[in-house]
Protein backbone atom coordinates (compact mmCIF):
# COMPACT_ATOMS: atom_id res chain seq x y z
CA MET A 1 -9.44 14.45 -14.02
CA GLY A 2 -8.89 13.26 -10.46
CA ALA A 3 -10.69 14.16 -7.28
CA SER A 4 -10.55 17.82 -6.35
CA GLY A 5 -8.12 18.44 -3.52
CA CYS A 6 -6.49 14.99 -3.73
CA ILE A 7 -2.72 15.40 -3.62
CA PHE A 8 -2.17 12.00 -5.25
CA CYS A 9 -4.43 12.96 -8.17
CA ALA A 10 -2.42 16.18 -8.48
CA ILE A 11 0.81 14.16 -8.57
CA VAL A 12 -0.60 11.71 -11.14
CA GLU A 13 -1.76 14.63 -13.33
CA GLY A 14 1.57 16.47 -13.00
CA ARG A 15 0.06 19.41 -11.07
CA ALA A 16 2.19 18.57 -7.99
CA SER A 17 5.82 17.54 -7.97
CA SER A 18 7.09 14.13 -6.98
CA HIS A 19 10.08 11.88 -7.43
CA ARG A 20 8.52 9.31 -9.73
CA VAL A 21 10.07 5.88 -9.95
CA LEU A 22 7.52 4.13 -12.18
CA GLU A 23 4.80 5.14 -14.60
CA SER A 24 2.36 2.92 -16.45
CA THR A 25 -0.95 3.46 -18.17
CA ASP A 26 -2.84 2.72 -14.94
CA CYS A 27 -0.44 3.37 -12.03
CA VAL A 28 2.27 5.74 -10.84
CA ALA A 29 4.88 5.12 -8.14
CA PHE A 30 6.80 7.87 -6.38
CA LEU A 31 8.85 8.45 -3.24
CA ASP A 32 6.93 9.16 -0.05
CA THR A 33 7.72 12.70 1.16
CA ARG A 34 7.87 11.46 4.76
CA PRO A 35 9.51 8.04 4.38
CA LEU A 36 10.03 5.47 7.09
CA PHE A 37 13.38 4.85 5.38
CA PRO A 38 14.94 6.28 2.19
CA GLY A 39 13.39 4.49 -0.76
CA HIS A 40 9.89 4.29 0.77
CA VAL A 41 7.68 4.31 -2.34
CA LEU A 42 3.94 4.86 -2.79
CA VAL A 43 2.23 3.01 -5.64
CA VAL A 44 -1.08 4.61 -6.67
CA PRO A 45 -3.65 4.00 -9.37
CA ARG A 46 -4.04 6.86 -11.85
CA GLU A 47 -7.82 6.73 -11.34
CA HIS A 48 -9.09 8.09 -8.05
CA HIS A 49 -10.42 5.29 -5.84
CA GLU A 50 -10.36 5.72 -2.08
CA THR A 51 -9.86 2.17 -0.77
CA ILE A 52 -9.00 -1.33 -1.92
CA ALA A 53 -12.73 -2.16 -1.90
CA ASP A 54 -13.34 0.62 -4.44
CA LEU A 55 -10.78 -0.67 -6.96
CA PRO A 56 -12.02 -2.57 -10.01
CA PRO A 57 -10.54 -6.11 -9.84
CA ALA A 58 -8.24 -5.64 -12.85
CA LEU A 59 -6.83 -2.42 -11.38
CA ALA A 60 -6.29 -4.09 -8.00
CA GLY A 61 -4.26 -6.78 -9.73
CA SER A 62 -2.25 -4.23 -11.66
CA LEU A 63 -1.59 -2.15 -8.52
CA PHE A 64 -0.17 -5.19 -6.74
CA GLU A 65 1.87 -6.20 -9.80
CA HIS A 66 3.48 -2.75 -9.84
CA ALA A 67 4.11 -2.99 -6.08
CA ARG A 68 5.77 -6.37 -6.69
CA ARG A 69 8.06 -4.82 -9.30
CA VAL A 70 8.86 -1.83 -7.07
CA SER A 71 9.59 -4.20 -4.17
CA MET A 72 12.14 -6.10 -6.26
CA ALA A 73 13.71 -2.82 -7.42
CA VAL A 74 13.97 -1.52 -3.84
CA GLU A 75 15.83 -4.66 -2.81
CA SER A 76 18.22 -4.70 -5.77
CA ALA A 77 18.85 -0.96 -6.15
CA LEU A 78 19.08 -0.06 -2.47
CA GLY A 79 20.52 -3.27 -1.05
CA ALA A 80 17.47 -3.79 1.16
CA ASP A 81 17.18 -7.16 2.88
CA GLY A 82 13.46 -7.14 2.10
CA THR A 83 10.42 -4.89 1.96
CA PHE A 84 7.27 -4.20 3.91
CA VAL A 85 4.24 -3.74 1.64
CA ALA A 86 1.17 -2.25 3.27
CA MET A 87 -2.13 -0.52 2.55
CA ASN A 88 -4.33 1.39 4.97
CA ASN A 89 -8.04 1.70 4.28
CA ARG A 90 -9.79 4.63 5.94
CA VAL A 91 -8.15 4.19 9.38
CA SER A 92 -4.62 5.68 9.27
CA GLN A 93 -5.07 6.48 5.57
CA SER A 94 -3.67 10.02 5.46
CA VAL A 95 -4.57 10.50 1.78
CA PRO A 96 -7.97 9.08 0.74
CA HIS A 97 -6.66 7.69 -2.56
CA ALA A 98 -5.87 3.96 -2.64
CA HIS A 99 -2.13 3.41 -2.39
CA LEU A 100 0.40 0.77 -1.43
CA HIS A 101 3.48 1.54 0.65
CA VAL A 102 6.66 -0.30 -0.36
CA VAL A 103 9.14 0.21 2.46
CA PRO A 104 12.75 -1.00 2.28
CA ARG A 105 13.75 -3.14 5.26
CA LYS A 106 17.10 -4.09 6.74
CA ARG A 107 17.55 -6.60 9.53
CA GLY A 108 17.80 -4.66 12.77
CA ASP A 109 16.26 -1.48 11.29
CA GLY A 110 14.11 -0.93 14.38
CA LEU A 111 10.69 -1.71 12.90
CA ARG A 112 9.00 -4.56 14.70
CA GLY A 113 6.68 -6.35 12.27
CA PHE A 114 3.42 -4.49 12.51
CA PHE A 115 3.54 -1.12 14.21
CA TRP A 116 1.04 -2.02 16.91
CA PRO A 117 0.75 -4.68 19.61
CA ARG A 118 -0.46 -8.09 18.49
CA HIS A 119 -2.61 -10.36 20.66
CA LYS A 120 -3.57 -14.01 20.55
CA TYR A 121 -7.20 -15.09 20.39
CA ALA A 122 -8.63 -15.82 23.83
CA SER A 123 -9.42 -19.39 22.71
CA GLU A 124 -9.65 -21.64 19.68
CA ALA A 125 -13.44 -21.20 19.87
CA GLU A 126 -13.09 -17.43 19.50
CA ALA A 127 -10.77 -17.88 16.50
CA ALA A 128 -13.19 -20.38 14.93
CA ALA A 129 -16.14 -17.97 15.41
CA VAL A 130 -14.25 -15.09 13.78
CA ALA A 131 -13.18 -17.32 10.89
CA GLU A 132 -16.79 -18.45 10.35
CA LYS A 133 -18.02 -14.84 10.25
CA LEU A 134 -15.43 -14.06 7.58
CA ARG A 135 -16.28 -17.20 5.55
CA SER A 136 -19.98 -16.22 5.66
CA ALA A 137 -19.20 -12.70 4.47
CA LEU A 138 -17.08 -14.08 1.62
CA ARG A 139 -19.92 -16.41 0.51
CA ALA A 140 -22.41 -13.49 0.40
């Protein structure tokens, strides 16, 4: 049984309707009800986990494998030039159930890479300091 009140758990369990495009023993993929473009798919684990950090490693791998398959299907079935695959964690995560967005893309579709402004590092030293912090965290 999924988390109480989680719409994605309700979809996985069949208590809420969806337009499913893929089902496996550990993941389900269905159309987003508010797509960026037609064919925008959400790939979710059947088990309730809120973020990527909460996923067991094997499930994380499976989730991305299903997103890879959905991405290829979106391109071939819908004639997309490519896809944008994304995952929010806590910030901008409208449903607190880990999920990947697979969004069909066409050249000139109006989306500009990421949906927010990007900035360069102030200096190479700043970039090196940030990289070192991340390396230290990964060694811990």
